PDB file of N, CA and C in Angstrom:
ATOM      1  N   UNK A   1     -15.306  -4.150  -6.599  1.00  0.00           N
ATOM      2  CA  UNK A   1     -14.259  -3.042  -6.399  1.00  0.00           C
ATOM      3  C   UNK A   1     -13.055  -4.046  -7.121  1.00  0.00           C
ATOM      4  N   UNK A   2     -11.894  -3.424  -7.654  1.00  0.00           N
ATOM      5  CA  UNK A   2     -10.775  -4.158  -7.701  1.00  0.00           C
ATOM      6  C   UNK A   2      -9.845  -3.929  -6.651  1.00  0.00           C
ATOM      7  N   UNK A   3      -8.833  -4.490  -6.749  1.00  0.00           N
ATOM      8  CA  UNK A   3      -7.725  -4.498  -5.541  1.00  0.00           C
ATOM      9  C   UNK A   3      -7.143  -2.963  -5.944  1.00  0.00           C
ATOM     10  N   UNK A   4      -6.549  -2.622  -7.011  1.00  0.00           N
ATOM     11  CA  UNK A   4      -6.303  -1.255  -7.463  1.00  0.00           C
ATOM     12  C   UNK A   4      -7.281  -0.221  -7.112  1.00  0.00           C
ATOM     13  N   UNK A   5      -8.581  -0.425  -7.208  1.00  0.00           N
ATOM     14  CA  UNK A   5      -9.497   0.659  -6.689  1.00  0.00           C
ATOM     15  C   UNK A   5      -9.706   0.911  -5.175  1.00  0.00           C
ATOM     16  N   UNK A   6      -9.545  -0.376  -4.522  1.00  0.00           N
ATOM     17  CA  UNK A   6      -9.600  -0.532  -3.103  1.00  0.00           C
ATOM     18  C   UNK A   6      -8.246  -0.152  -2.375  1.00  0.00           C
ATOM     19  N   UNK A   7      -7.374   0.031  -3.060  1.00  0.00           N
ATOM     20  CA  UNK A   7      -5.968   0.438  -2.606  1.00  0.00           C
ATOM     21  C   UNK A   7      -6.036   2.159  -2.545  1.00  0.00           C
ATOM     22  N   UNK A   8      -6.482   2.459  -4.067  1.00  0.00           N
ATOM     23  CA  UNK A   8      -6.426   3.945  -4.060  1.00  0.00           C
ATOM     24  C   UNK A   8      -7.616   4.503  -3.422  1.00  0.00           C
ATOM     25  N   UNK A   9      -8.743   4.092  -3.108  1.00  0.00           N
ATOM     26  CA  UNK A   9      -9.352   4.435  -2.045  1.00  0.00           C
ATOM     27  C   UNK A   9      -8.808   4.979  -0.568  1.00  0.00           C
ATOM     28  N   UNK A  10      -8.338   3.589   0.004  1.00  0.00           N
ATOM     29  CA  UNK A  10      -7.869   3.428   0.935  1.00  0.00           C
ATOM     30  C   UNK A  10      -6.585   4.947   1.256  1.00  0.00           C
ATOM     31  N   UNK A  11      -5.694   5.070   0.144  1.00  0.00           N
ATOM     32  CA  UNK A  11      -4.615   6.030   0.023  1.00  0.00           C
ATOM     33  C   UNK A  11      -5.410   7.204   0.304  1.00  0.00           C
ATOM     34  N   UNK A  12      -6.528   7.653  -0.447  1.00  0.00           N
ATOM     35  CA  UNK A  12      -7.105   8.881  -0.455  1.00  0.00           C
ATOM     36  C   UNK A  12      -7.699   9.102   0.750  1.00  0.00           C
ATOM     37  N   UNK A  13      -8.495   8.301   1.547  1.00  0.00           N
ATOM     38  CA  UNK A  13      -9.006   8.196   2.901  1.00  0.00           C
ATOM     39  C   UNK A  13      -8.173   8.162   4.200  1.00  0.00           C
ATOM     40  N   UNK A  14      -7.109   7.225   4.467  1.00  0.00           N
ATOM     41  CA  UNK A  14      -5.846   7.364   5.038  1.00  0.00           C
ATOM     42  C   UNK A  14      -4.799   7.973   5.018  1.00  0.00           C
ATOM     43  N   UNK A  15      -4.250   8.330   3.834  1.00  0.00           N
ATOM     44  CA  UNK A  15      -2.971   8.965   3.722  1.00  0.00           C
ATOM     45  C   UNK A  15      -1.940   7.879   3.291  1.00  0.00           C
ATOM     46  N   UNK A  16      -2.076   6.688   4.002  1.00  0.00           N
ATOM     47  CA  UNK A  16      -1.000   5.827   3.944  1.00  0.00           C
ATOM     48  C   UNK A  16      -1.249   3.954   4.084  1.00  0.00           C
ATOM     49  N   UNK A  17      -0.664   3.344   3.573  1.00  0.00           N
ATOM     50  CA  UNK A  17      -0.852   2.193   3.622  1.00  0.00           C
ATOM     51  C   UNK A  17       0.290   0.911   3.756  1.00  0.00           C
ATOM     52  N   UNK A  18       0.065  -0.076   4.508  1.00  0.00           N
ATOM     53  CA  UNK A  18       1.116  -1.085   4.753  1.00  0.00           C
ATOM     54  C   UNK A  18       0.609  -2.424   4.558  1.00  0.00           C
ATOM     55  N   UNK A  19       1.655  -3.055   4.015  1.00  0.00           N
ATOM     56  CA  UNK A  19       1.264  -4.846   3.570  1.00  0.00           C
ATOM     57  C   UNK A  19       0.183  -5.428   4.847  1.00  0.00           C
ATOM     58  N   UNK A  20       0.823  -4.893   5.953  1.00  0.00           N
ATOM     59  CA  UNK A  20      -0.156  -5.849   7.498  1.00  0.00           C
ATOM     60  C   UNK A  20      -1.682  -5.142   6.955  1.00  0.00           C
ATOM     61  N   UNK A  21      -1.866  -4.183   6.997  1.00  0.00           N
ATOM     62  CA  UNK A  21      -3.374  -2.908   6.698  1.00  0.00           C
ATOM     63  C   UNK A  21      -3.681  -3.776   5.315  1.00  0.00           C
ATOM     64  N   UNK A  22      -3.176  -3.885   4.496  1.00  0.00           N
ATOM     65  CA  UNK A  22      -3.642  -4.614   3.070  1.00  0.00           C
ATOM     66  C   UNK A  22      -4.268  -5.879   3.339  1.00  0.00           C
ATOM     67  N   UNK A  23      -3.523  -6.914   4.144  1.00  0.00           N
ATOM     68  CA  UNK A  23      -3.880  -8.047   4.419  1.00  0.00           C
ATOM     69  C   UNK A  23      -4.874  -8.238   5.097  1.00  0.00           C
ATOM     70  N   UNK A  24      -4.950  -7.595   6.690  1.00  0.00           N
ATOM     71  CA  UNK A  24      -6.223  -7.648   7.441  1.00  0.00           C
ATOM     72  C   UNK A  24      -7.082  -7.163   7.154  1.00  0.00           C
ATOM     73  N   UNK A  25      -7.287  -5.945   6.337  1.00  0.00           N
ATOM     74  CA  UNK A  25      -8.107  -5.285   5.905  1.00  0.00           C
ATOM     75  C   UNK A  25      -9.010  -5.516   4.829  1.00  0.00           C
ATOM     76  N   UNK A  26      -8.246  -5.687   3.884  1.00  0.00           N
ATOM     77  CA  UNK A  26      -8.885  -6.348   2.605  1.00  0.00           C
ATOM     78  C   UNK A  26      -8.505  -7.678   1.589  1.00  0.00           C
ATOM     79  N   UNK A  27      -7.932  -8.196   2.629  1.00  0.00           N
ATOM     80  CA  UNK A  27      -7.303  -9.518   1.847  1.00  0.00           C
ATOM     81  C   UNK A  27      -6.367  -9.595   1.024  1.00  0.00           C
ATOM     82  N   UNK A  28      -5.624  -8.764   0.793  1.00  0.00           N
ATOM     83  CA  UNK A  28      -4.859  -8.270  -0.492  1.00  0.00           C
ATOM     84  C   UNK A  28      -3.137  -8.709   0.068  1.00  0.00           C
ATOM     85  N   UNK A  29      -2.865  -9.999  -0.586  1.00  0.00           N
ATOM     86  CA  UNK A  29      -1.510 -10.471   0.026  1.00  0.00           C
ATOM     87  C   UNK A  29      -0.338  -9.779  -0.890  1.00  0.00           C
ATOM     88  N   UNK A  30      -0.281  -9.104  -2.068  1.00  0.00           N
ATOM     89  CA  UNK A  30       0.745  -8.681  -2.579  1.00  0.00           C
ATOM     90  C   UNK A  30       0.355  -7.319  -2.856  1.00  0.00           C
ATOM     91  N   UNK A  31       0.642  -6.702  -1.935  1.00  0.00           N
ATOM     92  CA  UNK A  31       0.262  -5.296  -1.883  1.00  0.00           C
ATOM     93  C   UNK A  31       1.363  -4.367  -2.937  1.00  0.00           C
ATOM     94  N   UNK A  32       2.643  -4.914  -2.931  1.00  0.00           N
ATOM     95  CA  UNK A  32       3.555  -3.941  -3.901  1.00  0.00           C
ATOM     96  C   UNK A  32       3.190  -4.142  -4.947  1.00  0.00           C
ATOM     97  N   UNK A  33       2.586  -5.485  -5.636  1.00  0.00           N
ATOM     98  CA  UNK A  33       2.100  -5.628  -7.228  1.00  0.00           C
ATOM     99  C   UNK A  33       0.905  -4.357  -7.331  1.00  0.00           C
ATOM    100  N   UNK A  34       0.154  -4.419  -6.479  1.00  0.00           N
ATOM    101  CA  UNK A  34      -1.084  -3.587  -6.769  1.00  0.00           C
ATOM    102  C   UNK A  34      -0.296  -2.316  -6.813  1.00  0.00           C
ATOM    103  N   UNK A  35       0.541  -1.549  -5.977  1.00  0.00           N
ATOM    104  CA  UNK A  35       1.342  -0.665  -6.350  1.00  0.00           C
ATOM    105  C   UNK A  35       2.005  -0.367  -7.356  1.00  0.00           C
ATOM    106  N   UNK A  36       2.398  -0.877  -7.801  1.00  0.00           N
ATOM    107  CA  UNK A  36       3.000  -1.201  -8.939  1.00  0.00           C
ATOM    108  C   UNK A  36       2.291  -0.870 -10.245  1.00  0.00           C
ATOM    109  N   UNK A  37       1.146  -1.706 -10.301  1.00  0.00           N
ATOM    110  CA  UNK A  37       0.056  -1.477 -11.209  1.00  0.00           C
ATOM    111  C   UNK A  37      -0.485   0.039 -11.325  1.00  0.00           C
ATOM    112  N   UNK A  38      -0.450   0.648 -10.172  1.00  0.00           N
ATOM    113  CA  UNK A  38      -1.120   2.013  -9.838  1.00  0.00           C
ATOM    114  C   UNK A  38       0.052   2.991 -10.389  1.00  0.00           C
ATOM    115  N   UNK A  39       1.585   2.837 -10.171  1.00  0.00           N
ATOM    116  CA  UNK A  39       2.532   3.392 -10.596  1.00  0.00           C
ATOM    117  C   UNK A  39       2.471   3.324 -12.284  1.00  0.00           C
ATOM    118  N   UNK A  40       1.975   2.683 -12.896  1.00  0.00           N
ATOM    119  CA  UNK A  40       2.044   2.123 -14.176  1.00  0.00           C
ATOM    120  C   UNK A  40       0.898   2.615 -14.822  1.00  0.00           C
ATOM    121  N   UNK A  41      -0.362   3.337 -13.980  1.00  0.00           N
ATOM    122  CA  UNK A  41      -1.300   3.885 -14.546  1.00  0.00           C
ATOM    123  C   UNK A  41      -1.022   5.426 -14.166  1.00  0.00           C
ATOM    124  N   UNK A  42       0.097   5.623 -13.821  1.00  0.00           N
ATOM    125  CA  UNK A  42       0.211   6.981 -13.434  1.00  0.00           C
ATOM    126  C   UNK A  42       0.510   7.864 -12.168  1.00  0.00           C
ATOM    127  N   UNK A  43      -0.150   6.924 -11.343  1.00  0.00           N
ATOM    128  CA  UNK A  43      -0.543   7.176  -9.964  1.00  0.00           C
ATOM    129  C   UNK A  43       1.108   7.650  -9.349  1.00  0.00           C
ATOM    130  N   UNK A  44       1.409   9.017  -8.336  1.00  0.00           N
ATOM    131  CA  UNK A  44       2.360   9.097  -7.779  1.00  0.00           C
ATOM    132  C   UNK A  44       2.401   8.493  -6.261  1.00  0.00           C
ATOM    133  N   UNK A  45       3.059   7.621  -6.016  1.00  0.00           N
ATOM    134  CA  UNK A  45       3.289   7.022  -4.890  1.00  0.00           C
ATOM    135  C   UNK A  45       4.663   6.442  -4.386  1.00  0.00           C
ATOM    136  N   UNK A  46       4.687   7.192  -3.204  1.00  0.00           N
ATOM    137  CA  UNK A  46       6.349   6.961  -2.700  1.00  0.00           C
ATOM    138  C   UNK A  46       6.268   5.917  -1.473  1.00  0.00           C
ATOM    139  N   UNK A  47       7.601   5.220  -1.254  1.00  0.00           N
ATOM    140  CA  UNK A  47       7.392   4.193  -0.305  1.00  0.00           C
ATOM    141  C   UNK A  47       8.505   4.769   0.969  1.00  0.00           C
ATOM    142  N   UNK A  48       8.180   4.277   2.079  1.00  0.00           N
ATOM    143  CA  UNK A  48       9.331   4.541   3.151  1.00  0.00           C
ATOM    144  C   UNK A  48       9.324   3.615   3.546  1.00  0.00           C
ATOM    145  N   UNK A  49      10.415   3.223   3.872  1.00  0.00           N
ATOM    146  CA  UNK A  49      10.779   1.229   4.709  1.00  0.00           C
ATOM    147  C   UNK A  49      10.525   1.656   6.135  1.00  0.00           C
ATOM    148  N   UNK A  50      10.031   0.920   6.762  1.00  0.00           N
ATOM    149  CA  UNK A  50      10.014   1.139   8.139  1.00  0.00           C
ATOM    150  C   UNK A  50      10.766   0.107   9.188  1.00  0.00           C
ATOM    151  N   UNK A  51      10.669  -0.012  10.254  1.00  0.00           N
ATOM    152  CA  UNK A  51      10.883  -1.248  11.218  1.00  0.00           C
ATOM    153  C   UNK A  51      10.230  -1.419  12.257  1.00  0.00           C
ATOM    154  N   UNK A  52       9.901  -2.408  12.304  1.00  0.00           N
ATOM    155  CA  UNK A  52       8.648  -2.919  13.333  1.00  0.00           C
ATOM    156  C   UNK A  52       9.757  -3.149  14.416  1.00  0.00           C
ATOM    157  N   UNK A  53       8.695  -3.191  15.915  1.00  0.00           N
ATOM    158  CA  UNK A  53       9.393  -3.313  17.363  1.00  0.00           C
ATOM    159  C   UNK A  53      10.103  -4.707  16.958  1.00  0.00           C
ATOM    160  N   UNK A  54       9.789  -6.011  16.211  1.00  0.00           N
ATOM    161  CA  UNK A  54      10.488  -6.887  16.345  1.00  0.00           C
ATOM    162  C   UNK A  54      11.800  -6.795  15.579  1.00  0.00           C
ATOM    163  N   UNK A  55      12.111  -5.910  14.765  1.00  0.00           N
ATOM    164  CA  UNK A  55      13.066  -5.614  13.995  1.00  0.00           C
ATOM    165  C   UNK A  55      13.153  -5.984  12.412  1.00  0.00           C
ATOM    166  N   UNK A  56      11.535  -6.674  11.924  1.00  0.00           N
ATOM    167  CA  UNK A  56      11.355  -6.676  10.844  1.00  0.00           C
ATOM    168  C   UNK A  56      10.836  -5.292  10.085  1.00  0.00           C
ATOM    169  N   UNK A  57      11.357  -5.476   8.573  1.00  0.00           N
ATOM    170  CA  UNK A  57      11.258  -4.319   7.723  1.00  0.00           C
ATOM    171  C   UNK A  57      10.042  -4.346   7.009  1.00  0.00           C
ATOM    172  N   UNK A  58       9.437  -3.193   6.798  1.00  0.00           N
ATOM    173  CA  UNK A  58       8.564  -3.216   5.993  1.00  0.00           C
ATOM    174  C   UNK A  58       8.186  -1.843   5.577  1.00  0.00           C
ATOM    175  N   UNK A  59       7.168  -1.835   4.362  1.00  0.00           N
ATOM    176  CA  UNK A  59       7.126  -0.676   3.524  1.00  0.00           C
ATOM    177  C   UNK A  59       5.871   0.020   4.101  1.00  0.00           C
ATOM    178  N   UNK A  60       5.843   1.360   3.785  1.00  0.00           N
ATOM    179  CA  UNK A  60       4.535   2.223   4.050  1.00  0.00           C
ATOM    180  C   UNK A  60       4.416   3.017   2.832  1.00  0.00           C
ATOM    181  N   UNK A  61       3.233   2.939   2.073  1.00  0.00           N
ATOM    182  CA  UNK A  61       3.123   3.551   0.857  1.00  0.00           C
ATOM    183  C   UNK A  61       2.261   4.769   1.072  1.00  0.00           C
ATOM    184  N   UNK A  62       2.246   5.871   0.242  1.00  0.00           N
ATOM    185  CA  UNK A  62       1.436   7.163   0.706  1.00  0.00           C
ATOM    186  C   UNK A  62       1.452   7.645  -0.890  1.00  0.00           C
ATOM    187  N   UNK A  63       0.332   8.126  -1.181  1.00  0.00           N
ATOM    188  CA  UNK A  63       0.488   9.217  -2.594  1.00  0.00           C
ATOM    189  C   UNK A  63       1.441  10.463  -2.108  1.00  0.00           C
ATOM    190  N   UNK A  64       1.940  10.167  -3.866  1.00  0.00           N
ATOM    191  CA  UNK A  64       3.053  11.455  -3.729  1.00  0.00           C
ATOM    192  C   UNK A  64       2.738  12.632  -4.345  1.00  0.00           C
TER     193      UNK A  64
END
C-alpha cells in the first residue's frame, strides 16, 4: 500500500490525522507532502492548526 493510500484509508476510518499519528502509526515522516499529492489528485482536505500543551504548533488534516 502506498503512503497516499495509507493516509486516505486513515482519513476515511478516523476522520483526521496529525503528523505525529502519521509518524508513529505508519512511519510517514512527511505528511504534508502526502497531503499535497492527495490534493493534487482531487481530494478535498482541510488543515486546522493546533497548539500542543508544550506550545508547539501542528497541523490536523481532515477530509473536507
